[in-house]
Protein backbone atom coordinates (compact mmCIF):
# COMPACT_ATOMS: atom_id res chain seq x y z
CA UNK A 1 36.51 -19.07 10.97
CA UNK A 2 36.22 -20.03 7.41
CA UNK A 3 36.95 -23.52 5.97
CA UNK A 4 40.72 -23.91 5.40
CA UNK A 5 42.22 -26.59 3.10
CA UNK A 6 45.05 -28.25 4.92
CA UNK A 7 47.30 -31.18 3.81
CA UNK A 8 47.05 -34.32 5.85
CA UNK A 9 50.14 -36.34 6.92
CA UNK A 10 49.32 -38.98 4.12
CA UNK A 11 49.12 -38.16 0.40
CA UNK A 12 45.39 -37.72 0.70
CA UNK A 13 44.40 -33.94 1.03
CA UNK A 14 41.37 -33.02 3.02
CA UNK A 15 39.31 -29.87 3.37
CA UNK A 16 38.59 -29.11 7.04
CA UNK A 17 35.17 -27.49 7.75
CA UNK A 18 34.64 -25.23 10.61
CA UNK A 19 31.53 -23.80 12.42
CA UNK A 20 31.91 -19.96 11.87
CA UNK A 21 30.01 -19.37 15.16
CA UNK A 22 32.19 -21.34 17.37
CA UNK A 23 35.54 -22.01 15.37
CA UNK A 24 35.02 -25.80 16.16
CA UNK A 25 35.85 -28.47 13.48
CA UNK A 26 32.71 -30.05 12.24
CA UNK A 27 34.11 -32.20 9.45
CA UNK A 28 36.70 -33.30 7.00
CA UNK A 29 36.15 -33.85 3.26
CA UNK A 30 38.56 -35.66 0.96
CA UNK A 31 39.76 -33.40 -1.93
CA UNK A 32 39.02 -34.64 -5.49
CA UNK A 33 41.43 -34.03 -8.42
CA UNK A 34 40.76 -33.37 -12.08
CA UNK A 35 41.00 -37.01 -12.89
CA UNK A 36 38.16 -37.71 -10.54
CA UNK A 37 36.07 -35.14 -12.32
CA UNK A 38 36.78 -36.62 -15.62
CA UNK A 39 35.85 -40.03 -14.54
CA UNK A 40 32.56 -38.73 -13.21
CA UNK A 41 31.75 -37.11 -16.52
CA UNK A 42 32.50 -40.42 -18.29
CA UNK A 43 29.97 -42.24 -15.97
CA UNK A 44 27.49 -39.51 -16.38
CA UNK A 45 27.57 -39.64 -20.03
CA UNK A 46 26.55 -43.29 -19.96
CA UNK A 47 23.95 -42.81 -17.19
CA UNK A 48 22.36 -39.79 -18.73
CA UNK A 49 21.25 -41.63 -21.92
CA UNK A 50 19.13 -44.09 -19.95
CA UNK A 51 17.93 -41.35 -17.58
CA UNK A 52 16.72 -39.33 -20.40
CA UNK A 53 14.93 -42.31 -22.08
CA UNK A 54 12.96 -43.28 -18.90
CA UNK A 55 10.66 -40.27 -19.29
CA UNK A 56 9.12 -37.71 -17.01
CA UNK A 57 6.88 -39.69 -14.99
CA UNK A 58 9.57 -42.10 -13.76
CA UNK A 59 12.00 -39.23 -13.18
CA UNK A 60 9.21 -37.46 -11.25
CA UNK A 61 8.99 -40.48 -8.85
CA UNK A 62 12.74 -40.12 -8.00
CA UNK A 63 12.32 -36.37 -7.31
CA UNK A 64 9.36 -37.01 -4.95
CA UNK A 65 11.59 -39.43 -3.13
CA UNK A 66 14.20 -36.69 -2.83
CA UNK A 67 11.53 -34.15 -1.57
CA UNK A 68 10.38 -36.89 0.99
CA UNK A 69 13.93 -37.41 2.25
CA UNK A 70 14.12 -33.55 2.90
CA UNK A 71 10.87 -33.48 4.62
CA UNK A 72 11.75 -36.47 6.85
CA UNK A 73 15.22 -35.15 7.73
CA UNK A 74 14.39 -31.42 7.94
CA UNK A 75 15.82 -31.03 11.48
CA UNK A 76 19.08 -32.70 10.74
CA UNK A 77 19.48 -30.72 7.46
CA UNK A 78 18.81 -27.39 9.13
CA UNK A 79 21.16 -28.11 11.83
CA UNK A 80 23.86 -29.01 9.36
CA UNK A 81 23.34 -25.79 7.34
CA UNK A 82 23.40 -23.77 10.45
CA UNK A 83 26.70 -25.25 11.79
CA UNK A 84 28.41 -25.18 8.18
CA UNK A 85 27.19 -21.79 7.20
CA UNK A 86 26.53 -20.04 10.44
CA UNK A 87 22.97 -18.89 9.73
CA UNK A 88 20.19 -19.43 12.31
CA UNK A 89 18.10 -22.56 12.35
CA UNK A 90 15.01 -20.66 11.46
CA UNK A 91 16.87 -19.05 8.50
CA UNK A 92 17.99 -22.54 7.42
CA UNK A 93 14.54 -24.01 7.72
CA UNK A 94 12.79 -21.07 5.99
CA UNK A 95 14.98 -20.15 3.06
CA UNK A 96 16.78 -23.50 2.38
CA UNK A 97 14.88 -26.58 3.66
CA UNK A 98 11.27 -25.53 3.10
CA UNK A 99 12.08 -23.66 -0.08
CA UNK A 100 13.88 -26.74 -1.42
CA UNK A 101 11.03 -29.18 -0.83
CA UNK A 102 8.63 -26.75 -2.35
CA UNK A 103 10.86 -26.33 -5.48
CA UNK A 104 11.51 -29.98 -5.93
CA UNK A 105 7.59 -30.76 -5.70
CA UNK A 106 6.90 -27.87 -8.21
CA UNK A 107 9.41 -29.15 -10.87
CA UNK A 108 8.55 -32.71 -10.38
CA UNK A 109 4.81 -32.08 -10.99
CA UNK A 110 5.07 -29.32 -13.62
CA UNK A 111 8.18 -30.06 -15.78
CA UNK A 112 6.46 -32.47 -18.15
CA UNK A 113 3.82 -29.91 -18.95
CA UNK A 114 6.34 -27.00 -19.36
CA UNK A 115 8.70 -29.04 -21.51
CA UNK A 116 6.20 -30.96 -23.55
CA UNK A 117 6.31 -30.88 -27.31
CA UNK A 118 4.94 -27.62 -28.67
CA UNK A 119 3.19 -27.53 -31.98
CA UNK A 120 3.71 -24.24 -34.00
CA UNK A 121 0.97 -22.59 -35.94
CA UNK A 122 1.75 -21.99 -39.57
CA UNK A 123 3.21 -18.47 -40.01
CA UNK A 124 1.79 -17.88 -43.63
CA UNK A 125 -0.72 -19.46 -46.03
CA UNK A 126 2.15 -19.94 -48.47
CA UNK A 127 3.69 -22.59 -46.24
CA UNK A 128 0.57 -23.85 -44.69
CA UNK A 129 1.70 -27.45 -45.67
CA UNK A 130 4.75 -27.23 -43.41
CA UNK A 131 3.79 -28.14 -39.88
CA UNK A 132 6.19 -27.86 -37.17
CA UNK A 133 6.87 -28.75 -33.54
CA UNK A 134 9.54 -28.13 -30.97
CA UNK A 135 10.92 -30.60 -28.50
CA UNK A 136 13.17 -29.76 -25.52
CA UNK A 137 16.17 -31.78 -25.55
CA UNK A 138 18.35 -32.20 -22.30
CA UNK A 139 21.92 -30.79 -22.67
CA UNK A 140 23.33 -33.95 -21.21
CA UNK A 141 25.50 -33.32 -18.36
CA UNK A 142 25.02 -30.25 -16.19
CA UNK A 143 27.74 -28.84 -14.10
CA UNK A 144 26.80 -26.79 -10.86
CA UNK A 145 29.21 -24.67 -8.85
CA UNK A 146 27.34 -23.31 -5.94
CA UNK A 147 28.15 -20.69 -3.35
CA UNK A 148 28.40 -20.83 0.48
CA UNK A 149 25.66 -18.37 1.36
CA UNK A 150 22.73 -20.62 0.50
CA UNK A 151 24.56 -23.98 0.26
CA UNK A 152 21.48 -26.20 0.16
CA UNK A 153 18.78 -24.22 -1.59
CA UNK A 154 20.68 -22.82 -4.50
CA UNK A 155 22.14 -26.08 -5.74
CA UNK A 156 19.09 -28.06 -4.86
CA UNK A 157 16.79 -25.98 -7.15
CA UNK A 158 19.29 -26.35 -10.00
CA UNK A 159 19.69 -30.09 -9.31
CA UNK A 160 15.91 -30.69 -9.36
CA UNK A 161 15.52 -28.68 -12.65
CA UNK A 162 18.36 -30.58 -14.27
CA UNK A 163 17.51 -33.93 -13.25
CA UNK A 164 13.80 -33.76 -14.00
CA UNK A 165 14.74 -32.41 -17.47
CA UNK A 166 16.70 -35.58 -18.23
CA UNK A 167 20.22 -34.31 -17.54
CA UNK A 168 22.98 -35.89 -15.33
CA UNK A 169 24.49 -33.63 -12.84
CA UNK A 170 27.89 -32.98 -11.31
CA UNK A 171 27.85 -30.66 -8.20
CA UNK A 172 30.76 -28.74 -6.63
CA UNK A 173 29.65 -26.98 -3.50
CA UNK A 174 31.74 -24.07 -2.03
CA UNK A 175 34.80 -25.33 0.07
CA UNK A 176 33.37 -23.43 2.98
CA UNK A 177 30.16 -25.50 3.13
CA UNK A 178 31.15 -29.02 2.23
CA UNK A 179 29.09 -30.56 5.06
CA UNK A 180 25.96 -29.34 3.31
CA UNK A 181 27.34 -30.76 0.03
CA UNK A 182 27.73 -34.17 1.69
CA UNK A 183 24.06 -34.04 2.96
CA UNK A 184 22.82 -33.23 -0.46
CA UNK A 185 24.94 -36.17 -1.75
CA UNK A 186 23.30 -38.44 0.83
CA UNK A 187 19.87 -37.24 -0.04
CA UNK A 188 20.39 -38.18 -3.69
CA UNK A 189 21.78 -41.58 -2.70
CA UNK A 190 19.02 -42.40 -0.43
CA UNK A 191 16.48 -41.46 -3.01
CA UNK A 192 17.94 -44.17 -5.07
CA UNK A 193 18.88 -42.27 -8.21
CA UNK A 194 20.63 -44.35 -10.82
CA UNK A 195 24.32 -44.67 -10.52
CA UNK A 196 26.18 -42.01 -12.36
CA UNK A 197 23.24 -39.63 -12.74
CA UNK A 198 24.48 -37.36 -9.85
CA UNK A 199 27.98 -37.03 -8.63
CA UNK A 200 29.34 -34.66 -5.84
CA UNK A 201 32.99 -33.58 -6.17
CA UNK A 202 35.20 -31.56 -3.92
CA UNK A 203 37.60 -29.55 -6.08
CA UNK A 204 39.28 -26.39 -4.86
CA UNK A 205 37.58 -23.24 -6.11
CA UNK A 206 40.76 -21.92 -7.73
CA UNK A 207 40.65 -25.03 -10.07
CA UNK A 208 36.91 -25.71 -10.38
CA UNK A 209 35.97 -23.28 -13.08
CA UNK A 210 38.57 -24.38 -15.78
CA UNK A 211 38.23 -27.97 -14.64
CA UNK A 212 34.44 -27.99 -15.24
CA UNK A 213 34.59 -26.19 -18.56
CA UNK A 214 37.37 -28.46 -19.86
CA UNK A 215 35.94 -31.72 -18.37
CA UNK A 216 33.43 -32.38 -21.22
CA UNK A 217 30.16 -31.34 -19.44
CA UNK A 218 27.57 -29.70 -21.70
CA UNK A 219 26.55 -26.66 -19.64
CA UNK A 220 27.64 -24.97 -16.40
CA UNK A 221 25.55 -23.03 -13.79
CA UNK A 222 27.70 -20.84 -11.66
CA UNK A 223 26.62 -18.77 -8.66
CA UNK A 224 29.25 -16.43 -7.18
CA UNK A 225 31.18 -13.06 -7.53
CA UNK A 226 31.22 -10.87 -10.57
CA UNK A 227 34.89 -11.13 -10.65
CA UNK A 228 34.96 -14.91 -10.99
CA UNK A 229 31.99 -14.84 -13.26
CA UNK A 230 33.91 -12.64 -15.76
CA UNK A 231 36.84 -15.16 -15.74
CA UNK A 232 34.44 -18.05 -16.49
CA UNK A 233 32.81 -16.05 -19.18
CA UNK A 234 36.04 -15.35 -20.85
CA UNK A 235 37.15 -18.97 -20.56
CA UNK A 236 33.68 -20.20 -21.92
CA UNK A 237 33.74 -17.75 -24.88
CA UNK A 238 36.84 -19.56 -26.25
CA UNK A 239 34.62 -22.72 -26.83
CA UNK A 240 31.27 -21.15 -27.21
CA UNK A 241 30.52 -23.06 -23.98
CA UNK A 242 27.04 -22.63 -22.53
CA UNK A 243 27.21 -20.71 -19.20
CA UNK A 244 24.54 -19.54 -16.78
CA UNK A 245 25.88 -16.91 -14.22
CA UNK A 246 24.23 -15.48 -11.09
CA UNK A 247 26.65 -12.99 -9.75
CA UNK A 248 25.11 -10.95 -6.93
CA UNK A 249 23.47 -7.61 -6.38
CA UNK A 250 23.41 -4.31 -4.45
CA UNK A 251 19.66 -4.29 -4.14
CA UNK A 252 17.62 -1.32 -3.40
CA UNK A 253 14.42 -0.82 -1.33
CA UNK A 254 12.09 2.17 -2.21
CA UNK A 255 9.85 3.41 0.62
CA UNK A 256 6.93 5.54 -0.74
CA UNK A 257 5.07 8.25 1.31
CA UNK A 258 1.94 6.00 1.62
CA UNK A 259 3.73 2.96 2.78
CA UNK A 260 2.79 0.98 5.84
CA UNK A 261 6.06 2.04 7.77
CA UNK A 262 5.82 -0.70 10.34
CA UNK A 263 5.50 -3.30 7.66
CA UNK A 264 8.26 -1.65 5.68
CA UNK A 265 10.61 -1.54 8.73
CA UNK A 266 9.86 -5.31 9.40
CA UNK A 267 10.62 -6.12 5.85
CA UNK A 268 13.87 -4.04 5.70
CA UNK A 269 15.20 -5.79 8.79
CA UNK A 270 14.53 -9.33 7.46
CA UNK A 271 15.29 -8.51 3.88
CA UNK A 272 18.57 -6.90 4.85
CA UNK A 273 19.72 -9.11 7.74
CA UNK A 274 18.34 -12.62 6.88
CA UNK A 275 21.39 -14.94 6.65
CA UNK A 276 23.42 -12.20 8.36
CA UNK A 277 22.87 -10.12 5.17
CA UNK A 278 24.82 -12.68 3.09
CA UNK A 279 22.12 -12.71 0.44
CA UNK A 280 22.79 -11.61 -3.07
CA UNK A 281 19.24 -10.35 -3.28
CA UNK A 282 19.13 -8.97 0.24
CA UNK A 283 18.37 -5.27 0.82
CA UNK A 284 21.46 -3.19 0.87
CA UNK A 285 20.30 0.27 -0.06
CA UNK A 286 17.12 2.05 1.09
CA UNK A 287 15.67 5.21 -0.49
CA UNK A 288 12.95 6.82 1.53
CA UNK A 289 10.79 9.82 0.53
CA UNK A 290 11.67 12.69 2.71
CA UNK A 291 8.11 13.21 4.02
CA UNK A 292 8.20 10.01 6.05
CA UNK A 293 11.93 9.58 6.40
CA UNK A 294 12.19 10.53 10.03
CA UNK A 295 9.21 8.48 11.14
CA UNK A 296 10.46 5.41 9.21
CA UNK A 297 13.95 5.66 10.68
CA UNK A 298 12.58 6.06 14.17
CA UNK A 299 10.53 2.82 13.73
CA UNK A 300 13.40 1.00 12.00
CA UNK A 301 15.88 1.88 14.85
CA UNK A 302 13.40 0.80 17.42
CA UNK A 303 12.96 -2.48 15.92
CA UNK A 304 16.71 -2.96 15.30
CA UNK A 305 17.34 -2.71 19.04
CA UNK A 306 15.29 -5.82 19.60
CA UNK A 307 17.36 -8.16 17.31
CA UNK A 308 19.45 -10.80 18.88
CA UNK A 309 22.82 -11.96 17.48
CA UNK A 310 24.45 -15.28 18.41
CA UNK A 311 25.15 -18.90 17.62
CA UNK A 312 22.50 -19.86 14.91
CA UNK A 313 22.18 -23.24 16.16
CA UNK A 314 20.16 -21.94 18.94
CA UNK A 315 16.47 -20.95 18.45
CA UNK A 316 16.98 -17.87 20.63
CA UNK A 317 18.78 -15.71 18.11
CA UNK A 318 17.53 -13.85 15.04
CA UNK A 319 21.04 -13.36 13.33
CA UNK A 320 23.77 -15.78 13.06
CA UNK A 321 27.45 -15.70 12.02
CA UNK A 322 29.30 -14.42 9.04
CA UNK A 323 30.34 -17.51 7.06
CA UNK A 324 33.97 -16.49 6.34
CA UNK A 325 36.42 -14.31 8.16
CA UNK A 326 37.29 -12.80 4.66
CA UNK A 327 33.66 -11.71 4.37
CA UNK A 328 33.70 -10.26 7.79
CA UNK A 329 36.56 -8.09 6.97
CA UNK A 330 34.89 -6.87 3.76
CA UNK A 331 31.86 -5.80 5.74
CA UNK A 332 33.92 -3.97 8.36
CA UNK A 333 35.80 -2.19 5.63
CA UNK A 334 32.61 -0.97 4.03
CA UNK A 335 31.14 0.23 7.32
CA UNK A 336 34.34 2.16 8.14
CA UNK A 337 34.56 3.66 4.75
CA UNK A 338 31.08 4.94 5.09
CA UNK A 339 31.72 6.52 8.39
CA UNK A 340 34.80 8.19 7.16
CA UNK A 341 32.65 9.69 4.20
CA UNK A 342 29.97 11.14 6.59
CA UNK A 343 27.84 8.16 7.40
CA UNK A 344 26.14 7.93 10.81
CA UNK A 345 26.16 4.31 12.19
CA UNK A 346 23.60 2.74 14.52
CA UNK A 347 24.34 -0.84 15.49
CA UNK A 348 22.52 -3.26 17.83
CA UNK A 349 23.04 -6.59 19.29
CA UNK A 350 25.66 -8.23 21.66
CA UNK A 351 28.32 -10.21 19.93
CA UNK A 352 29.44 -13.77 21.01
CA UNK A 353 33.02 -14.13 21.78
CA UNK A 354 35.05 -16.49 19.70
CA UNK A 355 32.79 -16.55 16.60
CA UNK A 356 32.67 -14.70 13.29
CA UNK A 357 29.79 -12.17 13.98
CA UNK A 358 28.91 -8.61 13.03
CA UNK A 359 26.33 -6.38 14.56
CA UNK A 360 23.26 -5.43 12.52
CA UNK A 361 23.92 -1.90 11.42
CA UNK A 362 22.10 1.03 9.95
CA UNK A 363 23.99 3.85 8.15
CA UNK A 364 22.38 7.24 7.66
CA UNK A 365 23.34 10.20 5.69
CA UNK A 366 24.73 8.10 2.84
CA UNK A 367 26.15 9.35 -0.34
CA UNK A 368 27.26 7.68 -3.61
CA UNK A 369 31.06 8.08 -2.67
CA UNK A 370 30.52 5.22 -0.26
CA UNK A 371 31.52 1.71 -1.21
CA UNK A 372 28.44 0.19 0.41
CA UNK A 373 26.27 2.32 -1.93
CA UNK A 374 28.27 1.20 -4.94
CA UNK A 375 29.24 -2.47 -4.34
CA UNK A 376 27.73 -5.49 -2.85
CA UNK A 377 28.54 -5.42 1.07
CA UNK A 378 27.14 -8.81 1.62
CA UNK A 379 26.54 -8.33 5.33
CA UNK A 380 24.02 -7.08 7.91
CA UNK A 381 24.30 -3.35 6.92
CA UNK A 382 21.51 -1.08 5.69
CA UNK A 383 22.48 2.08 3.91
CA UNK A 384 19.68 4.68 4.12
CA UNK A 385 19.27 7.79 1.93
CA UNK A 386 16.56 10.40 1.93
CA UNK A 387 15.06 11.27 -1.57
CA UNK A 388 12.93 14.22 -2.69
CA UNK A 389 10.65 12.12 -4.95
CA UNK A 390 9.86 8.79 -6.35
CA UNK A 391 11.65 9.73 -9.52
CA UNK A 392 14.91 10.35 -7.68
CA UNK A 393 14.47 7.03 -5.92
CA UNK A 394 14.18 5.26 -9.40
CA UNK A 395 17.15 6.99 -10.71
CA UNK A 396 19.39 6.13 -7.60
CA UNK A 397 18.17 2.55 -7.78
CA UNK A 398 19.01 2.16 -11.46
CA UNK A 399 22.41 3.99 -10.95
CA UNK A 400 24.21 0.66 -10.30
CA UNK A 401 26.37 -1.75 -12.37
CA UNK A 402 24.31 -4.55 -10.69
CA UNK A 403 20.48 -5.26 -11.17
CA UNK A 404 19.41 -8.35 -9.42
CA UNK A 405 16.28 -7.47 -7.51
CA UNK A 406 14.52 -4.48 -5.83
CA UNK A 407 11.47 -3.76 -3.77
CA UNK A 408 8.81 -1.08 -3.75
CA UNK A 409 6.81 -0.41 -0.42
CA UNK A 410 3.46 1.34 -1.04
CA UNK A 411 -0.20 0.79 -0.19
CA UNK A 412 -1.08 1.70 -3.88
CA UNK A 413 -0.73 -1.43 -6.03
CA UNK A 414 -0.92 0.59 -9.32
CA UNK A 415 1.84 2.83 -8.06
CA UNK A 416 3.94 0.02 -7.02
CA UNK A 417 3.62 -1.71 -10.47
CA UNK A 418 4.32 1.60 -12.16
CA UNK A 419 7.62 2.02 -10.37
CA UNK A 420 8.51 -1.69 -10.90
CA UNK A 421 8.21 -1.09 -14.69
CA UNK A 422 10.97 1.40 -14.42
CA UNK A 423 13.55 -0.49 -12.46
CA UNK A 424 16.37 -2.07 -14.18
CA UNK A 425 16.43 -5.35 -12.32
CA UNK A 426 15.46 -8.92 -12.86
CA UNK A 427 12.88 -9.14 -10.09
CA UNK A 428 10.85 -6.59 -8.26
CA UNK A 429 8.73 -7.36 -5.24
CA UNK A 430 5.95 -5.05 -3.96
CA UNK A 431 5.77 -4.93 -0.08
CA UNK A 432 8.23 -7.83 0.24
CA UNK A 433 11.86 -8.55 -0.41
CA UNK A 434 14.33 -11.39 -0.88
CA UNK A 435 11.78 -14.14 -0.89
CA UNK A 436 11.33 -14.50 -4.65
CA UNK A 437 14.11 -17.02 -4.76
CA UNK A 438 11.83 -19.25 -2.85
CA UNK A 439 9.11 -19.16 -5.52
CA UNK A 440 9.86 -21.83 -7.95
CA UNK A 441 7.40 -20.61 -10.36
CA UNK A 442 9.18 -17.23 -10.77
CA UNK A 443 12.32 -16.67 -12.90
CA UNK A 444 15.55 -16.10 -10.94
CA UNK A 445 18.39 -13.82 -12.38
CA UNK A 446 19.36 -10.34 -13.06
CA UNK A 447 20.32 -7.48 -15.43
CA UNK A 448 23.61 -5.85 -16.05
CA UNK A 449 26.55 -7.58 -14.30
CA UNK A 450 24.24 -9.48 -11.95
CA UNK A 451 24.59 -12.25 -14.41
CA UNK A 452 23.32 -13.85 -17.58
CA UNK A 453 20.53 -16.35 -18.18
CA UNK A 454 17.83 -17.55 -15.89
CA UNK A 455 17.17 -20.37 -13.44
CA UNK A 456 13.90 -21.38 -11.63
CA UNK A 457 10.38 -21.35 -13.25
CA UNK A 458 9.71 -22.34 -16.89
CA UNK A 459 12.65 -20.34 -17.98
CA UNK A 460 14.98 -22.30 -15.77
CA UNK A 461 13.64 -25.65 -17.02
CA UNK A 462 13.97 -24.44 -20.60
CA UNK A 463 17.64 -23.40 -19.75
CA UNK A 464 18.31 -27.09 -18.82
CA UNK A 465 17.41 -28.10 -22.39
CA UNK A 466 18.01 -27.21 -25.98
CA UNK A 467 14.99 -26.65 -28.51
CA UNK A 468 14.96 -28.98 -31.54
CA UNK A 469 12.35 -28.19 -34.18
CA UNK A 470 10.92 -30.74 -36.48
CA UNK A 471 9.12 -29.67 -39.69
CA UNK A 472 6.84 -32.08 -41.52
CA UNK A 473 5.20 -31.68 -44.94
CA UNK A 474 1.56 -32.55 -45.51
CA UNK A 475 1.69 -32.78 -49.31
CA UNK A 476 2.58 -36.42 -50.10
CA UNK A 477 2.36 -35.89 -53.86
CA UNK A 478 4.68 -32.87 -53.97
CA UNK A 479 7.77 -33.41 -56.11
CA UNK A 480 9.40 -30.06 -55.39
CA UNK A 481 8.82 -26.79 -53.54
CA UNK A 482 7.83 -23.80 -55.61
CA UNK A 483 11.30 -22.27 -55.29
CA UNK A 484 13.35 -25.32 -56.12
CA UNK A 485 15.36 -25.82 -59.26
CA UNK A 486 15.21 -25.15 -62.13
CA UNK A 487 14.78 -21.39 -61.98
CA UNK A 488 13.13 -19.38 -64.72
CA UNK A 489 11.22 -16.18 -65.16
CA UNK A 490 7.93 -17.85 -64.26
CA UNK A 491 9.24 -18.94 -60.87
CA UNK A 492 10.40 -15.39 -60.08
CA UNK A 493 7.16 -13.95 -61.09
CA UNK A 494 5.12 -16.44 -59.31
CA UNK A 495 7.04 -15.82 -55.98
CA UNK A 496 6.73 -12.07 -56.52
CA UNK A 497 3.08 -12.61 -57.08
CA UNK A 498 2.71 -14.46 -53.75
CA UNK A 499 4.04 -11.50 -52.03
CA UNK A 500 1.71 -9.11 -53.98
CA UNK A 501 -1.23 -11.46 -53.14
CA UNK A 502 -0.61 -11.30 -49.36
CA UNK A 503 0.45 -7.73 -48.85
CA UNK A 504 -0.38 -5.35 -51.74
CA UNK A 505 -3.00 -2.89 -51.29
CA UNK A 506 -3.87 -2.80 -54.88
CA UNK A 507 -6.62 -5.23 -55.78
CA UNK A 508 -5.52 -5.76 -59.40
CA UNK A 509 -1.99 -6.55 -58.22
CA UNK A 510 -3.33 -9.04 -55.80
CA UNK A 511 -5.60 -10.77 -58.41
CA UNK A 512 -2.56 -10.89 -60.91
CA UNK A 513 -0.42 -12.17 -58.18
CA UNK A 514 -2.86 -14.97 -57.41
CA UNK A 515 -2.82 -16.16 -61.01
CA UNK A 516 1.16 -16.25 -61.11
CA UNK A 517 1.25 -17.95 -57.77
CA UNK A 518 -1.14 -20.74 -58.96
CA UNK A 519 0.99 -21.26 -61.96
CA UNK A 520 4.28 -21.72 -60.06
CA UNK A 521 2.41 -23.71 -57.33
CA UNK A 522 1.29 -26.41 -59.87
CA UNK A 523 4.87 -27.14 -60.78
CA UNK A 524 5.38 -28.52 -57.29
CA UNK A 525 3.61 -31.71 -58.41
CA UNK A 526 5.67 -32.18 -61.70
CA UNK A 527 9.30 -33.40 -62.43
CA UNK A 528 9.46 -31.23 -65.62
CA UNK A 529 9.85 -27.45 -65.93
């Protein structure tokens, strides 16, 4: 079951959280209104000014406390994630808890170097007296609307980047995973961040986008569907409001003739079925060169038969539940569509009664009329297609309106990098997949309708700030620039002479240009013509 918002007998509305693996109620969360969000913005505006002024080293100390809270409470956090989202405890630990601790540590220890003042080299001898530097200035208040598929790791990365950069944060997690939102809020509180620097709100998804954009925050980071991303982009465009969008993918895996097929099969199953396939960067399409197609498929099916599906809070299962009943229906529809259009299905794994589960599934003989080859299935389904060449695999990979990530499987590193250079995606992994989100040092984001902007890495930290350039002048006796008023023919000739001096291939023009430039340059130190 998915989380359902139900009115309580009193005037207070609550969102009820369910464990998708069992259907049991695991929590209730008070619903906030627009006024609560606006009050949070007011408090954040005051708190952010002091937070930005304390500097990187003091902000770093707070972030390291946050990291330590995650380390000290890893078991509790992974259990909450598993019950709220449905994924296995190992998935929760690997892709959410561990990766968050690593990310916070990275941003805490590297942000000051990445965002430090950068001095710019003079671009021309004509303006050598102008010396410039760029400071990175916090936006102010960062809004984060995060999804239910990685309810801890996705917002935690962005929270860490925003806070260490000197911003205040207002977080809205998905209504389906509010118990994770509450443990994030507790982590911040127990790390003793200043009051108002971070606020967690529970606003219905149907209202959140407009509410955040209209609330007075300075930038919004949204992770979700393409459809909602387009709505937000249209709304933001009316105000020229800064917006970062991560909207999903239909990611491809290319298996070359020389690949280690056992490794590739292992990678396909984990990259496709981790989090029950509910990963925007998970493998959905596999293109295999025809020479090794049958052997790869045989290995893949053999390994598929060993996977175990069940309640993710047990350590004895590999694949957990589908987080929402709506998503489960989408997965079933995509599979049924593929079968109707000629696909051959192979599924494995016994399903647990009473929960929201889907068997891990391989579909052979796929074609581009199938929904699963065109759109994001977001479930434990791998669609496999035989290709005659690597060029065909590249062409089919790029034939998509989405472009988040892709992977290339080959023993030849040079070949892998050559293929990667031709793929229209934001990240390419060679002999791996999905895990790049866990590398804090690498940018995260995609091409095409997979989104706009980047998070993570130095690009993510820069995205939390705005550049401010300061230009200083090193000539204290200067009364005017060469090109200031009053204008006359001598000024024109002198500036033209400067261009000839720098760029003409004619020696005499350059020499004449130097004389004219000196003449007009000397007027910089006088008040007369």
